[in-house]
Amino acid sequence: MRRLAIIVLVVACASAAWGGRFGLSLGVGFYKPGDEGSSYTPIYNLRAHYWATRNVVPSLRVGYARYTIDDTTFNYLPVIPGVTYHFRPATSVDPFVGAGVVYARKWWSGPLEEREKNMWGFATHAGVDLQAGESFGLGLGVEYVVPDAGDFKSAYPGFMFSLGVG
């Protein structure tokens, strides 16, 4: 977590120095974990982003989900640095597409022998931002996440809703 705080601080300082726009958003998504017997589960997200150009927005997103299957409670923590391309950023309806790299940590308690797993993968997303004010907006989108590139059964679709500034 200390590394994450340093990255967010560096992005914030770079934003002030380069004159770009820095922003934050909070969101909730619904995704279906790849575990057998799972159903759609809420995942809560915090996203820091920086408008590097008019259309290109690098970001860092951290999520957290907790769900139970049978007698096993799972905790899921994906960290996704990525980049998004916005097609119409100066308008009230702004469609976007993006991709990122996923580092995910999953740990659990229950009858399963293995207790944790670290995974590397990738994510893609698309959606639309709706401007509700000069620097406030709503985001709606879909994503496809493969948290473990070595195991495509871990892939899941997700649906996102977010509120943000910047």
Protein backbone atom coordinates (compact mmCIF):
# COMPACT_ATOMS: atom_id res chain seq x y z
CA MET A 1 0.00 0.00 0.00
CA ARG A 2 2.95 2.31 0.63
CA ARG A 3 4.01 1.99 -3.02
CA LEU A 4 0.48 2.85 -4.12
CA ALA A 5 0.50 6.00 -1.97
CA ILE A 6 3.84 7.05 -3.50
CA ILE A 7 2.53 6.51 -7.05
CA VAL A 8 -0.60 8.58 -6.34
CA LEU A 9 1.56 11.35 -4.83
CA VAL A 10 3.89 11.39 -7.86
CA VAL A 11 0.92 11.59 -10.26
CA ALA A 12 -0.59 14.45 -8.22
CA CYS A 13 2.70 16.39 -8.23
CA ALA A 14 3.19 15.77 -11.95
CA SER A 15 -0.33 17.05 -12.57
CA ALA A 16 0.45 20.33 -10.81
CA ALA A 17 3.81 20.70 -12.61
CA TRP A 18 2.60 19.87 -16.13
CA GLY A 19 -0.72 21.70 -15.97
CA GLY A 20 -2.86 18.63 -16.82
CA ARG A 21 -6.03 17.69 -14.99
CA PHE A 22 -5.87 15.21 -12.16
CA GLY A 23 -9.01 13.47 -10.98
CA LEU A 24 -10.45 10.84 -8.68
CA SER A 25 -13.48 8.64 -8.94
CA LEU A 26 -15.25 6.16 -6.72
CA GLY A 27 -17.21 3.39 -8.26
CA VAL A 28 -19.00 0.13 -7.81
CA GLY A 29 -19.02 -2.64 -10.34
CA PHE A 30 -20.59 -6.04 -10.57
CA TYR A 31 -18.53 -8.95 -11.75
CA LYS A 32 -18.76 -12.70 -11.84
CA PRO A 33 -15.69 -14.31 -10.27
CA GLY A 34 -14.25 -17.33 -12.05
CA ASP A 35 -14.75 -19.56 -9.00
CA GLU A 36 -17.16 -22.44 -9.47
CA GLY A 37 -20.53 -21.68 -7.89
CA SER A 38 -20.01 -17.89 -7.83
CA SER A 39 -22.60 -15.31 -8.83
CA TYR A 40 -22.34 -11.59 -9.63
CA THR A 41 -20.62 -9.79 -6.76
CA PRO A 42 -20.09 -6.07 -6.07
CA ILE A 43 -16.55 -4.74 -6.40
CA TYR A 44 -15.71 -1.30 -5.00
CA ASN A 45 -13.15 0.83 -6.87
CA LEU A 46 -11.01 3.91 -6.32
CA ARG A 47 -9.46 5.36 -9.48
CA ALA A 48 -6.89 8.14 -9.82
CA HIS A 49 -6.45 9.53 -13.32
CA TYR A 50 -4.50 12.23 -15.14
CA TRP A 51 -5.53 13.91 -18.40
CA ALA A 52 -2.14 13.72 -20.13
CA THR A 53 -3.62 15.07 -23.38
CA ARG A 54 -7.07 16.06 -24.56
CA ASN A 55 -7.96 12.40 -25.26
CA VAL A 56 -5.44 10.17 -23.44
CA VAL A 57 -5.95 9.46 -19.73
CA PRO A 58 -3.57 7.18 -17.80
CA SER A 59 -5.03 5.88 -14.55
CA LEU A 60 -4.50 3.65 -11.56
CA ARG A 61 -7.48 1.72 -10.21
CA VAL A 62 -7.67 -0.31 -7.02
CA GLY A 63 -10.67 -2.50 -6.28
CA TYR A 64 -11.90 -4.71 -3.48
CA ALA A 65 -14.52 -7.44 -3.37
CA ARG A 66 -15.51 -10.00 -0.76
CA TYR A 67 -17.81 -12.93 -1.41
CA THR A 68 -18.65 -16.36 -0.02
CA ILE A 69 -19.11 -19.65 -1.84
CA ASP A 70 -20.20 -22.61 0.29
CA ASP A 71 -18.16 -22.17 3.49
CA THR A 72 -15.24 -20.28 1.92
CA THR A 73 -14.93 -16.48 2.13
CA PHE A 74 -12.88 -14.92 -0.68
CA ASN A 75 -11.18 -11.49 -0.70
CA TYR A 76 -10.19 -10.09 -4.10
CA LEU A 77 -7.92 -7.04 -4.59
CA PRO A 78 -7.13 -6.05 -8.21
CA VAL A 79 -4.71 -3.19 -8.99
CA ILE A 80 -5.02 -2.01 -12.59
CA PRO A 81 -2.73 0.64 -14.11
CA GLY A 82 -4.08 1.46 -17.53
CA VAL A 83 -4.82 4.03 -20.18
CA THR A 84 -8.15 5.23 -21.58
CA TYR A 85 -8.85 7.00 -24.87
CA HIS A 86 -11.75 9.50 -24.77
CA PHE A 87 -13.39 10.22 -28.14
CA ARG A 88 -15.29 13.45 -27.27
CA PRO A 89 -13.86 14.86 -24.00
CA ALA A 90 -15.25 18.38 -24.39
CA THR A 91 -18.86 17.21 -24.70
CA SER A 92 -21.46 16.16 -22.16
CA VAL A 93 -21.51 12.58 -23.52
CA ASP A 94 -17.98 11.19 -23.89
CA PRO A 95 -17.48 7.57 -25.06
CA PHE A 96 -14.20 5.86 -24.16
CA VAL A 97 -12.19 2.64 -24.55
CA GLY A 98 -9.17 1.48 -22.62
CA ALA A 99 -6.87 -1.29 -21.49
CA GLY A 100 -4.59 -2.07 -18.61
CA VAL A 101 -2.36 -4.54 -16.83
CA VAL A 102 -3.81 -6.38 -13.83
CA TYR A 103 -2.07 -7.43 -10.66
CA ALA A 104 -4.61 -9.24 -8.48
CA ARG A 105 -4.30 -10.78 -5.06
CA LYS A 106 -6.90 -13.25 -3.85
CA TRP A 107 -6.94 -14.77 -0.39
CA TRP A 108 -9.52 -16.84 1.42
CA SER A 109 -10.47 -18.74 4.52
CA GLY A 110 -12.34 -22.01 4.58
CA PRO A 111 -11.91 -25.67 3.75
CA LEU A 112 -9.71 -25.17 0.65
CA GLU A 113 -6.05 -26.17 1.03
CA GLU A 114 -4.49 -23.22 -0.83
CA ARG A 115 -5.03 -19.91 1.02
CA GLU A 116 -3.85 -17.19 -1.37
CA LYS A 117 -2.96 -16.48 -4.96
CA ASN A 118 -1.12 -13.66 -6.73
CA MET A 119 -2.00 -13.18 -10.39
CA TRP A 120 -0.92 -11.07 -13.39
CA GLY A 121 -3.19 -10.43 -16.35
CA PHE A 122 -4.88 -7.73 -18.42
CA ALA A 123 -8.16 -5.81 -18.68
CA THR A 124 -10.12 -3.96 -21.35
CA HIS A 125 -13.03 -1.60 -20.86
CA ALA A 126 -15.45 0.63 -22.75
CA GLY A 127 -18.18 3.00 -21.71
CA VAL A 128 -19.40 6.54 -21.57
CA ASP A 129 -18.79 9.46 -19.23
CA LEU A 130 -21.69 11.84 -18.67
CA GLN A 131 -20.67 15.33 -17.56
CA ALA A 132 -22.87 16.58 -14.72
CA GLY A 133 -20.90 19.80 -14.25
CA GLU A 134 -17.63 21.42 -15.30
CA SER A 135 -15.48 18.93 -13.37
CA PHE A 136 -17.99 16.36 -12.09
CA GLY A 137 -19.20 13.34 -13.98
CA LEU A 138 -20.87 9.96 -13.99
CA GLY A 139 -19.38 6.95 -15.70
CA LEU A 140 -21.08 3.84 -17.05
CA GLY A 141 -19.19 0.99 -18.65
CA VAL A 142 -18.38 -2.64 -19.18
CA GLU A 143 -15.08 -4.40 -18.75
CA TYR A 144 -13.46 -7.73 -19.39
CA VAL A 145 -10.75 -8.73 -16.92
CA VAL A 146 -8.35 -11.64 -17.11
CA PRO A 147 -6.63 -11.49 -13.70
CA ASP A 148 -4.52 -14.61 -14.34
CA ALA A 149 -3.15 -14.65 -17.90
CA GLY A 150 -2.08 -18.28 -17.40
CA ASP A 151 -5.66 -19.35 -16.63
CA PHE A 152 -8.33 -17.92 -18.93
CA LYS A 153 -11.02 -19.56 -16.78
CA SER A 154 -10.27 -16.73 -14.30
CA ALA A 155 -11.61 -14.16 -16.81
CA TYR A 156 -14.79 -12.29 -15.98
CA PRO A 157 -17.02 -9.60 -17.47
CA GLY A 158 -17.91 -6.65 -15.28
CA PHE A 159 -20.32 -3.74 -15.25
CA MET A 160 -19.21 -0.39 -13.77
CA PHE A 161 -20.82 2.74 -12.35
CA SER A 162 -18.68 5.60 -11.03
CA LEU A 163 -18.83 9.18 -9.76
CA GLY A 164 -15.80 11.37 -10.23
CA VAL A 165 -14.20 14.79 -10.19
CA GLY A 166 -11.55 16.11 -12.52
